[in-house]
Amino acid sequence: MGEAGPAAVTARGWGWRHASRRDWAVRGLDLRIDAGERVLLLGASGAGKSTLIHALAGVLGGDDEGESAGGLLVDGREPESARGRVGLVLQDPDSQVVLARVGDDVAFGCENLGVPREEIWQRVGDALDAVGLDLPLAHPTSELSGGQKQRLALAGVLAMRPGLLLLDEPTANLDPDGVVEVRDAVARVLEHTEATFVVIEHRVDVWWRLVDRVVVLAPGGGVLADGHPDEVLKRHGAALAASGVWVPGHRPAPPVRTRAAGSRLLRTEALAVGRSPKLVLHRDIDLEVSAGGCLAITGPNGAGKSTLGLTLAGLIRPAAGRVRADGIADGLVPDPILWKSRQLLTRIGTVFQDPEHQFVAATVGDELAVGPRALGLPPAEIDARVGPLLERLRLGHLVRANPFTLSGGEKRRLSVATVLVTRPRLLVLDEPTFGQDARTWRELVAFLAELLDAGSGIVAVTHDTDFAVALADAELRMSARGAGVPR
């Protein structure tokens, strides 16, 4: 598909440091990716994988955003000047939808490149065929599932016919069916394009058979391993697993739970949820969450899982029915939607699906202090709470960093920490393990298990079956339409 052929990548001593950071996100990287290679880029959370990908796409920022060292070239040119040669698909399906109709959305990139109008629509049709998205050009993008939105984003990139195709954890926010859907779409694309292909993913098994080379970035800079996928797995499998890579056959051991569920903290009565009373997603939901118990809310993208979580957390008004938090009301009316934010802080803590939606401070340390300060805690008590959380969640070296400059996995751990620091009795977590490598996943799950054993309750919206197996005492699977199905 690439009109100018596949692109080559060269890094010589390349590095990047965000303007607000002391440590380099990437440093001393020497790497050559030949034209037409298909590469899986691995590394622990925070190793700089997304930084490298964004630099290759020319979207990392200028001198006011940070400083670079060494050289990074695409076909011998600075990435910023290789306009149209590089295509990037990101993690979040919703963030990449630009226009209201499928055809217009796919055509958007071509229009920005100045492709002649008569050629654009031929490219749009070819790209939609390549990703297997058989929909009318006028189909509303708002009605697409998460997997369909990622295939739409991929089609929009393919229509520009880049020489370098970059995917930054494109299945991280998808349900299991969506993961297969996108992976298979990429496989079809790779059969018909000569473009150089680089994909970031924590979970190796998704992409292993679609690539011919694996490059593992070392957390301190440079390359930890590089070679054919089977050879890298054979020689470095155990070491990669220890560093955090999700290697087949090296699954993290689930934590040992020591406490059974106790008294009830929250329940619902004939609950109906939706973003407005006129748009009800599910009705007649009856569930309960107990002290020491974990309820996993599962189901396909778009089923209303996040909406249910926010309703249980007292942040969205029920469309019908009631949420009763008798076990944590402590003298308040037992309806969380009527509680003030300060009253919620110590009762129900919420981690949003997008970590950035809950960041309000300029540094990681200040972000963690927001909740305790709202409670009026003295500085010594704030420090006593913040310090251990920073170390436990591997954020101690980032205390002065801007939260928005963290990696995806680091942002997720920070968003969880901002909730834990106020010690609520009930946690509502939306995709709590998103973006985690195997090591940080294990540590985060172990930490949550300790909270359960100490008597906290957890509601987790998740696509992560490993997480559900490790922690959930009950599961509410939500179908695309209708009420949830308890298990």
Protein backbone atom coordinates (compact mmCIF):
# COMPACT_ATOMS: atom_id res chain seq x y z
CA MET A 1 0.00 0.00 0.00
CA GLY A 2 2.89 2.37 0.63
CA GLU A 3 3.37 4.46 -2.53
CA ALA A 4 7.01 5.31 -1.74
CA GLY A 5 7.84 1.86 -0.39
CA PRO A 6 8.57 0.79 3.19
CA ALA A 7 10.49 3.12 5.49
CA ALA A 8 13.66 2.40 7.48
CA VAL A 9 14.33 3.60 11.02
CA THR A 10 17.69 4.54 12.52
CA ALA A 11 18.42 5.54 16.12
CA ARG A 12 21.98 6.47 17.13
CA GLY A 13 22.48 7.26 20.81
CA TRP A 14 18.94 8.66 20.81
CA GLY A 15 17.21 9.79 23.97
CA TRP A 16 14.37 11.99 25.18
CA ARG A 17 13.66 13.72 28.47
CA HIS A 18 10.41 15.50 29.28
CA ALA A 19 10.81 19.13 30.31
CA SER A 20 9.55 18.50 33.86
CA ARG A 21 11.60 15.33 34.46
CA ARG A 22 15.05 14.70 35.88
CA ASP A 23 15.38 11.21 34.40
CA TRP A 24 15.39 10.40 30.71
CA ALA A 25 12.44 8.46 29.32
CA VAL A 26 14.80 6.86 26.79
CA ARG A 27 18.56 7.22 26.59
CA GLY A 28 21.44 5.81 24.58
CA LEU A 29 19.26 3.92 22.11
CA ASP A 30 21.05 2.41 19.12
CA LEU A 31 18.61 0.65 16.82
CA ARG A 32 18.17 -0.07 13.13
CA ILE A 33 14.87 -1.28 11.68
CA ASP A 34 15.19 -2.14 8.02
CA ALA A 35 12.52 -1.34 5.46
CA GLY A 36 9.72 -3.90 5.53
CA GLU A 37 10.55 -5.48 8.91
CA ARG A 38 7.77 -6.37 11.31
CA VAL A 39 8.78 -5.66 14.88
CA LEU A 40 7.24 -6.29 18.29
CA LEU A 41 8.57 -3.70 20.73
CA LEU A 42 8.61 -4.93 24.33
CA GLY A 43 9.80 -3.66 27.70
CA ALA A 44 8.75 -3.06 31.26
CA SER A 45 6.28 -0.30 32.12
CA GLY A 46 8.19 2.99 31.88
CA ALA A 47 10.96 1.64 29.62
CA GLY A 48 10.15 4.29 26.99
CA LYS A 49 8.29 2.26 24.36
CA SER A 50 5.56 4.84 23.74
CA THR A 51 8.10 7.66 23.84
CA LEU A 52 10.01 6.04 20.98
CA ILE A 53 6.85 5.35 18.98
CA HIS A 54 5.58 8.91 19.39
CA ALA A 55 8.99 10.29 18.41
CA LEU A 56 8.94 8.21 15.21
CA ALA A 57 5.46 9.57 14.47
CA GLY A 58 6.73 13.13 14.93
CA VAL A 59 4.24 13.94 17.70
CA LEU A 60 6.51 13.95 20.75
CA GLY A 61 6.76 17.74 20.93
CA GLY A 62 9.32 20.45 20.34
CA ASP A 63 12.02 22.00 22.48
CA ASP A 64 9.42 23.44 24.88
CA GLU A 65 8.18 19.89 25.64
CA GLY A 66 11.57 18.38 26.39
CA GLU A 67 15.06 17.74 25.11
CA SER A 68 16.50 15.08 22.84
CA ALA A 69 19.94 13.56 22.43
CA GLY A 70 21.53 11.66 19.57
CA GLY A 71 19.69 11.07 16.32
CA LEU A 72 16.42 9.44 15.25
CA LEU A 73 15.63 9.22 11.55
CA VAL A 74 12.92 7.83 9.27
CA ASP A 75 14.30 7.21 5.80
CA GLY A 76 17.23 9.48 6.68
CA ARG A 77 14.99 12.40 7.69
CA GLU A 78 13.78 13.85 10.96
CA PRO A 79 10.38 12.28 11.75
CA GLU A 80 8.71 15.69 11.89
CA SER A 81 9.57 16.22 8.22
CA ALA A 82 8.41 12.76 7.11
CA ARG A 83 4.80 13.92 6.79
CA GLY A 84 2.55 11.18 5.50
CA ARG A 85 5.27 8.52 5.69
CA VAL A 86 4.34 7.44 9.23
CA GLY A 87 0.95 6.28 10.52
CA LEU A 88 0.15 5.84 14.22
CA VAL A 89 -2.71 3.95 15.91
CA LEU A 90 -3.05 4.64 19.65
CA GLN A 91 -4.48 2.79 22.66
CA ASP A 92 -7.81 4.52 23.18
CA PRO A 93 -10.42 3.80 20.46
CA ASP A 94 -12.59 6.82 21.32
CA SER A 95 -9.74 9.35 21.19
CA GLN A 96 -9.04 8.59 17.52
CA VAL A 97 -12.53 9.07 16.11
CA VAL A 98 -12.59 12.49 14.46
CA LEU A 99 -15.74 12.75 12.35
CA ALA A 100 -19.33 11.56 12.62
CA ARG A 101 -19.42 9.20 9.62
CA VAL A 102 -17.20 6.23 8.83
CA GLY A 103 -16.19 7.32 5.33
CA ASP A 104 -15.40 10.90 6.35
CA ASP A 105 -13.31 9.67 9.28
CA VAL A 106 -11.16 7.40 7.08
CA ALA A 107 -10.78 10.20 4.49
CA PHE A 108 -9.65 12.78 7.07
CA GLY A 109 -5.92 11.99 6.93
CA CYS A 110 -5.85 11.89 3.14
CA GLU A 111 -7.53 15.28 2.98
CA ASN A 112 -4.88 16.73 5.29
CA LEU A 113 -2.18 15.34 2.99
CA GLY A 114 -3.78 17.00 -0.04
CA VAL A 115 -4.62 13.76 -1.85
CA PRO A 116 -6.81 14.51 -4.92
CA ARG A 117 -10.49 14.10 -4.13
CA GLU A 118 -11.13 11.48 -6.83
CA GLU A 119 -8.33 9.34 -5.37
CA ILE A 120 -9.38 9.71 -1.73
CA TRP A 121 -12.55 7.66 -1.98
CA GLN A 122 -10.80 4.83 -3.79
CA ARG A 123 -8.29 4.77 -0.94
CA VAL A 124 -11.07 4.85 1.65
CA GLY A 125 -12.77 1.84 0.11
CA ASP A 126 -9.49 -0.08 -0.16
CA ALA A 127 -8.60 0.68 3.47
CA LEU A 128 -11.99 -0.39 4.82
CA ASP A 129 -11.74 -3.62 2.84
CA ALA A 130 -8.24 -4.23 4.18
CA VAL A 131 -9.36 -4.04 7.83
CA GLY A 132 -12.57 -5.97 7.19
CA LEU A 133 -14.90 -3.13 8.19
CA ASP A 134 -17.89 -3.76 5.92
CA LEU A 135 -20.04 -0.75 6.73
CA PRO A 136 -21.72 2.00 4.66
CA LEU A 137 -19.62 5.15 4.33
CA ALA A 138 -22.43 7.09 6.05
CA HIS A 139 -22.57 4.74 9.06
CA PRO A 140 -22.35 6.76 12.33
CA THR A 141 -19.00 6.37 14.10
CA SER A 142 -20.85 6.80 17.42
CA GLU A 143 -22.47 3.39 16.90
CA LEU A 144 -19.20 1.45 16.54
CA SER A 145 -17.86 -0.96 19.14
CA GLY A 146 -14.37 -0.52 20.57
CA GLY A 147 -12.92 -3.10 18.18
CA GLN A 148 -14.63 -1.45 15.22
CA LYS A 149 -13.28 1.96 16.26
CA GLN A 150 -9.74 0.58 16.37
CA ARG A 151 -10.20 -0.94 12.90
CA LEU A 152 -11.56 2.43 11.75
CA ALA A 153 -8.43 4.15 13.11
CA LEU A 154 -6.28 1.57 11.34
CA ALA A 155 -8.17 2.16 8.09
CA GLY A 156 -7.64 5.91 8.39
CA VAL A 157 -3.91 5.35 8.73
CA LEU A 158 -3.78 2.86 5.85
CA ALA A 159 -5.61 5.25 3.55
CA MET A 160 -2.63 7.60 3.86
CA ARG A 161 -0.44 4.73 2.60
CA PRO A 162 2.41 5.20 5.07
CA GLY A 163 5.80 3.52 4.75
CA LEU A 164 5.95 3.00 8.53
CA LEU A 165 2.94 1.69 10.45
CA LEU A 166 3.09 2.14 14.25
CA LEU A 167 0.66 0.59 16.76
CA ASP A 168 0.84 1.63 20.42
CA GLU A 169 -0.98 -1.09 22.43
CA PRO A 170 -3.98 -0.98 20.07
CA THR A 171 -5.87 -3.69 21.97
CA ALA A 172 -5.25 -2.48 25.54
CA ASN A 173 -8.75 -1.02 25.98
CA LEU A 174 -10.65 -3.82 24.24
CA ASP A 175 -12.65 -6.81 25.39
CA PRO A 176 -11.30 -10.27 24.38
CA ASP A 177 -13.42 -10.39 21.22
CA GLY A 178 -12.20 -6.93 20.23
CA VAL A 179 -8.57 -8.01 20.73
CA VAL A 180 -9.01 -10.87 18.27
CA GLU A 181 -10.94 -8.61 15.89
CA VAL A 182 -8.14 -6.02 15.71
CA ARG A 183 -5.32 -8.58 15.64
CA ASP A 184 -6.96 -10.40 12.73
CA ALA A 185 -7.52 -7.09 10.92
CA VAL A 186 -3.83 -6.26 11.26
CA ALA A 187 -2.95 -9.74 9.98
CA ARG A 188 -5.04 -9.09 6.86
CA VAL A 189 -3.36 -5.72 6.38
CA LEU A 190 0.13 -7.20 6.66
CA GLU A 191 -0.69 -9.63 3.86
CA HIS A 192 -1.24 -6.70 1.48
CA THR A 193 1.29 -4.07 2.51
CA GLU A 194 5.06 -3.79 2.35
CA ALA A 195 5.10 -1.08 5.03
CA THR A 196 7.48 -1.43 7.95
CA PHE A 197 5.46 -2.46 11.01
CA VAL A 198 6.17 -1.76 14.70
CA VAL A 199 3.72 -2.68 17.47
CA ILE A 200 3.96 -2.12 21.23
CA GLU A 201 2.27 -4.65 23.47
CA HIS A 202 2.79 -6.00 26.98
CA ARG A 203 1.16 -9.33 26.18
CA VAL A 204 3.41 -11.14 23.77
CA ASP A 205 1.01 -13.89 22.67
CA VAL A 206 -1.31 -11.45 20.85
CA TRP A 207 1.25 -10.46 18.19
CA TRP A 208 3.94 -13.14 18.37
CA ARG A 209 3.08 -14.87 15.09
CA LEU A 210 2.65 -11.65 13.09
CA VAL A 211 6.20 -10.32 13.55
CA ASP A 212 9.64 -11.44 12.44
CA ARG A 213 11.66 -9.57 15.06
CA VAL A 214 11.38 -8.72 18.75
CA VAL A 215 13.16 -5.73 20.32
CA VAL A 216 13.10 -5.37 24.10
CA LEU A 217 13.95 -1.96 25.57
CA ALA A 218 15.85 -1.93 28.86
CA PRO A 219 14.35 0.27 31.61
CA GLY A 220 17.63 2.12 32.14
CA GLY A 221 18.18 2.73 28.43
CA GLY A 222 19.37 0.75 25.44
CA VAL A 223 18.23 -2.66 24.21
CA LEU A 224 17.81 -5.68 26.48
CA ALA A 225 17.17 -8.27 23.74
CA ASP A 226 16.83 -8.26 19.95
CA GLY A 227 16.23 -11.07 17.48
CA HIS A 228 13.78 -13.52 15.93
CA PRO A 229 10.72 -14.04 18.18
CA ASP A 230 11.33 -17.73 18.85
CA GLU A 231 15.02 -17.18 19.54
CA VAL A 232 14.38 -14.29 21.93
CA LEU A 233 11.77 -16.32 23.81
CA LYS A 234 14.06 -19.35 24.04
CA ARG A 235 17.14 -17.47 25.22
CA HIS A 236 15.59 -14.67 27.29
CA GLY A 237 12.08 -15.87 28.26
CA ALA A 238 12.68 -16.14 32.00
CA ALA A 239 14.64 -12.88 32.16
CA LEU A 240 11.96 -11.05 30.15
CA ALA A 241 9.24 -12.39 32.43
CA ALA A 242 11.21 -11.21 35.48
CA SER A 243 11.56 -7.75 33.93
CA GLY A 244 7.80 -7.50 33.42
CA VAL A 245 7.14 -8.78 29.91
CA TRP A 246 4.05 -11.01 29.59
CA VAL A 247 5.81 -14.10 28.24
CA PRO A 248 3.73 -17.19 27.35
CA GLY A 249 4.26 -19.89 29.98
CA HIS A 250 5.36 -17.40 32.64
CA ARG A 251 2.07 -16.20 34.16
CA PRO A 252 2.20 -14.21 37.41
CA ALA A 253 1.06 -16.27 40.39
CA PRO A 254 -2.25 -15.02 41.88
CA PRO A 255 -2.13 -13.74 45.48
CA VAL A 256 -3.27 -15.92 48.37
CA ARG A 257 -6.48 -14.56 49.89
CA THR A 258 -6.83 -14.97 53.68
CA ARG A 259 -10.27 -13.50 54.39
CA ALA A 260 -13.78 -14.36 53.25
CA ALA A 261 -16.34 -11.65 52.46
CA GLY A 262 -18.04 -10.13 55.49
CA SER A 263 -20.84 -7.62 56.06
CA ARG A 264 -22.57 -5.92 53.16
CA LEU A 265 -21.30 -2.47 52.15
CA LEU A 266 -23.53 -1.66 49.17
CA ARG A 267 -26.49 -3.10 47.29
CA THR A 268 -28.81 -2.14 44.45
CA GLU A 269 -32.56 -2.48 44.05
CA ALA A 270 -34.00 -2.85 40.52
CA LEU A 271 -31.27 -0.49 39.33
CA ALA A 272 -31.36 0.97 35.82
CA VAL A 273 -28.30 2.80 34.49
CA GLY A 274 -27.67 5.19 31.62
CA ARG A 275 -26.01 8.51 30.87
CA SER A 276 -29.49 10.09 30.96
CA PRO A 277 -33.03 8.90 31.91
CA LYS A 278 -33.88 8.85 28.19
CA LEU A 279 -30.96 6.58 27.28
CA VAL A 280 -31.14 3.55 29.59
CA LEU A 281 -28.48 0.90 28.95
CA HIS A 282 -29.53 -1.74 31.49
CA ARG A 283 -32.44 -2.34 33.86
CA ASP A 284 -33.27 -4.52 36.86
CA ILE A 285 -29.72 -4.86 38.17
CA ASP A 286 -29.61 -6.38 41.65
CA LEU A 287 -26.16 -6.82 43.16
CA GLU A 288 -24.29 -6.41 46.40
CA VAL A 289 -20.71 -5.79 47.50
CA SER A 290 -19.42 -6.93 50.87
CA ALA A 291 -16.44 -6.05 53.04
CA GLY A 292 -13.52 -8.16 51.85
CA GLY A 293 -15.33 -9.03 48.62
CA CYS A 294 -14.50 -8.20 45.01
CA LEU A 295 -17.18 -7.92 42.31
CA ALA A 296 -15.89 -8.02 38.71
CA ILE A 297 -18.08 -6.29 36.11
CA THR A 298 -17.28 -7.78 32.72
CA GLY A 299 -18.71 -7.76 29.19
CA PRO A 300 -18.06 -6.34 25.73
CA ASN A 301 -17.07 -2.77 24.94
CA GLY A 302 -20.09 -0.46 24.95
CA ALA A 303 -22.15 -2.67 27.26
CA GLY A 304 -22.41 0.04 29.93
CA LYS A 305 -19.87 -1.31 32.43
CA SER A 306 -18.28 2.07 33.15
CA THR A 307 -21.71 3.69 33.47
CA LEU A 308 -22.71 1.10 36.06
CA GLY A 309 -19.46 1.64 37.95
CA LEU A 310 -19.95 5.40 38.08
CA THR A 311 -23.54 4.91 39.23
CA LEU A 312 -22.45 2.63 42.08
CA ALA A 313 -19.81 5.22 43.01
CA GLY A 314 -22.39 7.98 43.46
CA LEU A 315 -21.19 9.98 40.44
CA ILE A 316 -24.12 9.32 38.06
CA ARG A 317 -27.75 9.37 39.13
CA PRO A 318 -29.60 6.07 38.60
CA ALA A 319 -32.03 6.08 35.68
CA ALA A 320 -34.37 4.07 37.93
CA GLY A 321 -34.15 1.99 41.08
CA ARG A 322 -31.73 2.65 43.92
CA VAL A 323 -28.17 2.29 45.14
CA ARG A 324 -28.05 1.69 48.91
CA ALA A 325 -24.73 2.04 50.71
CA ASP A 326 -25.98 1.20 54.20
CA GLY A 327 -22.71 -0.42 55.24
CA ILE A 328 -20.60 2.72 54.72
CA ALA A 329 -23.12 5.53 55.24
CA ASP A 330 -21.99 6.16 58.85
CA GLY A 331 -25.00 8.33 59.69
CA LEU A 332 -25.51 9.78 56.21
CA VAL A 333 -28.51 9.12 54.00
CA PRO A 334 -27.48 5.77 52.42
CA ASP A 335 -27.73 7.06 48.84
CA PRO A 336 -24.24 7.91 47.45
CA ILE A 337 -25.57 10.29 44.79
CA LEU A 338 -26.58 12.64 47.63
CA TRP A 339 -23.14 12.66 49.27
CA LYS A 340 -20.74 15.55 48.86
CA SER A 341 -17.28 14.93 47.41
CA ARG A 342 -15.61 15.13 50.81
CA GLN A 343 -18.07 12.57 52.17
CA LEU A 344 -17.29 10.24 49.27
CA LEU A 345 -13.52 10.46 49.85
CA THR A 346 -13.43 8.10 52.82
CA ARG A 347 -16.39 5.97 51.72
CA ILE A 348 -16.20 5.31 47.97
CA GLY A 349 -13.05 5.90 45.93
CA THR A 350 -13.30 5.87 42.13
CA VAL A 351 -10.61 5.21 39.52
CA PHE A 352 -11.78 6.41 36.10
CA GLN A 353 -11.23 4.55 32.85
CA ASP A 354 -8.97 7.35 31.59
CA PRO A 355 -6.36 8.13 34.27
CA GLU A 356 -5.82 11.68 33.02
CA HIS A 357 -9.42 12.57 33.83
CA GLN A 358 -8.59 12.63 37.55
CA PHE A 359 -5.23 14.45 37.52
CA VAL A 360 -5.37 18.01 38.87
CA ALA A 361 -1.87 18.73 40.24
CA ALA A 362 1.48 19.59 38.64
CA THR A 363 3.51 16.82 40.27
CA VAL A 364 2.95 13.21 41.28
CA GLY A 365 3.58 14.05 44.94
CA ASP A 366 1.06 16.90 44.94
CA GLU A 367 -1.46 14.72 43.09
CA LEU A 368 -1.37 12.18 45.89
CA ALA A 369 -1.77 14.88 48.52
CA VAL A 370 -4.97 16.38 47.02
CA GLY A 371 -7.37 13.99 48.75
CA PRO A 372 -5.72 14.02 52.19
CA ARG A 373 -5.56 17.82 52.13
CA ALA A 374 -9.29 17.96 51.30
CA LEU A 375 -9.84 15.86 54.43
CA GLY A 376 -7.85 18.38 56.48
CA LEU A 377 -5.15 15.89 57.48
CA PRO A 378 -1.96 17.33 59.01
CA PRO A 379 1.21 17.33 56.84
CA ALA A 380 2.86 14.58 58.89
CA GLU A 381 -0.11 12.25 58.32
CA ILE A 382 -0.18 13.09 54.60
CA ASP A 383 3.51 12.21 54.29
CA ALA A 384 2.95 8.99 56.23
CA ARG A 385 0.27 7.94 53.73
CA VAL A 386 1.87 9.17 50.50
CA GLY A 387 5.39 7.82 51.00
CA PRO A 388 4.56 4.11 51.31
CA LEU A 389 2.14 4.29 48.36
CA LEU A 390 4.80 5.85 46.13
CA GLU A 391 7.23 3.07 46.90
CA ARG A 392 4.72 0.23 46.80
CA LEU A 393 3.42 1.22 43.37
CA ARG A 394 6.90 1.98 41.94
CA LEU A 395 6.30 5.71 41.65
CA GLY A 396 8.87 6.95 44.19
CA HIS A 397 11.35 8.12 41.54
CA LEU A 398 8.58 10.15 39.87
CA VAL A 399 7.46 12.22 42.87
CA ARG A 400 8.37 15.53 41.17
CA ALA A 401 7.26 14.51 37.67
CA ASN A 402 4.23 15.96 35.93
CA PRO A 403 1.51 13.25 35.95
CA PHE A 404 0.76 13.85 32.28
CA THR A 405 4.32 12.90 31.27
CA LEU A 406 4.15 9.41 32.81
CA SER A 407 3.84 6.25 30.77
CA GLY A 408 0.39 4.69 30.39
CA GLY A 409 1.10 2.08 33.06
CA GLU A 410 2.52 4.68 35.45
CA LYS A 411 -0.53 6.91 34.97
CA ARG A 412 -2.80 4.00 35.83
CA ARG A 413 -0.87 3.19 39.03
CA LEU A 414 -0.94 6.86 40.03
CA SER A 415 -4.70 7.06 39.47
CA VAL A 416 -5.18 4.02 41.73
CA ALA A 417 -2.88 5.55 44.36
CA THR A 418 -4.85 8.83 44.42
CA VAL A 419 -7.87 6.82 45.54
CA LEU A 420 -6.08 4.54 48.00
CA VAL A 421 -4.47 7.43 49.85
CA THR A 422 -7.82 8.51 51.39
CA ARG A 423 -8.50 4.92 52.54
CA PRO A 424 -12.12 4.51 51.38
CA ARG A 425 -14.10 1.46 52.48
CA LEU A 426 -15.24 0.72 48.92
CA LEU A 427 -13.16 1.02 45.74
CA VAL A 428 -14.73 1.32 42.28
CA LEU A 429 -11.96 0.65 39.77
CA ASP A 430 -12.39 0.99 36.00
CA GLU A 431 -9.77 -1.16 34.24
CA PRO A 432 -7.33 -1.09 37.19
CA THR A 433 -4.67 -3.21 35.44
CA PHE A 434 -4.69 -1.36 32.11
CA GLY A 435 -1.17 -0.82 30.74
CA GLN A 436 0.63 -2.87 33.38
CA ASP A 437 3.57 -5.14 32.68
CA ALA A 438 3.57 -8.54 34.36
CA ARG A 439 5.60 -7.34 37.35
CA THR A 440 3.55 -4.23 38.14
CA TRP A 441 0.36 -6.26 37.49
CA ARG A 442 1.42 -8.79 40.10
CA GLU A 443 2.32 -6.08 42.62
CA LEU A 444 -0.90 -4.12 42.06
CA VAL A 445 -3.08 -7.23 42.34
CA ALA A 446 -1.24 -8.30 45.51
CA PHE A 447 -1.82 -4.84 47.00
CA LEU A 448 -5.54 -4.99 46.21
CA ALA A 449 -5.71 -8.47 47.74
CA GLU A 450 -4.26 -7.07 50.96
CA LEU A 451 -6.94 -4.35 50.97
CA LEU A 452 -9.62 -7.00 50.56
CA ASP A 453 -8.15 -9.02 53.43
CA ALA A 454 -8.20 -5.85 55.53
CA GLY A 455 -11.95 -5.47 54.92
CA SER A 456 -12.26 -3.13 51.94
CA GLY A 457 -14.74 -3.89 49.19
CA ILE A 458 -13.86 -3.67 45.49
CA VAL A 459 -15.96 -3.23 42.36
CA ALA A 460 -13.75 -3.70 39.28
CA VAL A 461 -14.80 -3.01 35.71
CA THR A 462 -12.37 -5.14 33.74
CA HIS A 463 -11.54 -6.96 30.52
CA ASP A 464 -8.61 -8.64 32.27
CA THR A 465 -9.58 -12.28 32.82
CA ASP A 466 -6.40 -12.89 34.82
CA PHE A 467 -7.43 -10.12 37.22
CA ALA A 468 -10.94 -11.53 37.60
CA VAL A 469 -9.60 -15.02 38.29
CA ALA A 470 -7.09 -13.70 40.83
CA LEU A 471 -9.41 -11.47 42.89
CA ALA A 472 -13.11 -11.68 42.03
CA ASP A 473 -15.50 -13.43 44.42
CA ALA A 474 -18.42 -12.72 42.08
CA GLU A 475 -18.86 -11.62 38.48
CA LEU A 476 -21.57 -9.54 36.83
CA ARG A 477 -21.31 -10.04 33.09
CA MET A 478 -23.11 -7.32 31.14
CA SER A 479 -24.49 -8.15 27.74
CA ALA A 480 -24.63 -5.70 24.87
CA ARG A 481 -28.29 -5.09 25.66
CA GLY A 482 -30.46 -5.86 28.64
CA ALA A 483 -29.73 -6.59 32.25
CA GLY A 484 -26.45 -7.89 33.60
CA VAL A 485 -26.01 -11.61 34.07
CA PRO A 486 -24.68 -12.47 37.57
CA ARG A 487 -22.29 -15.40 37.98
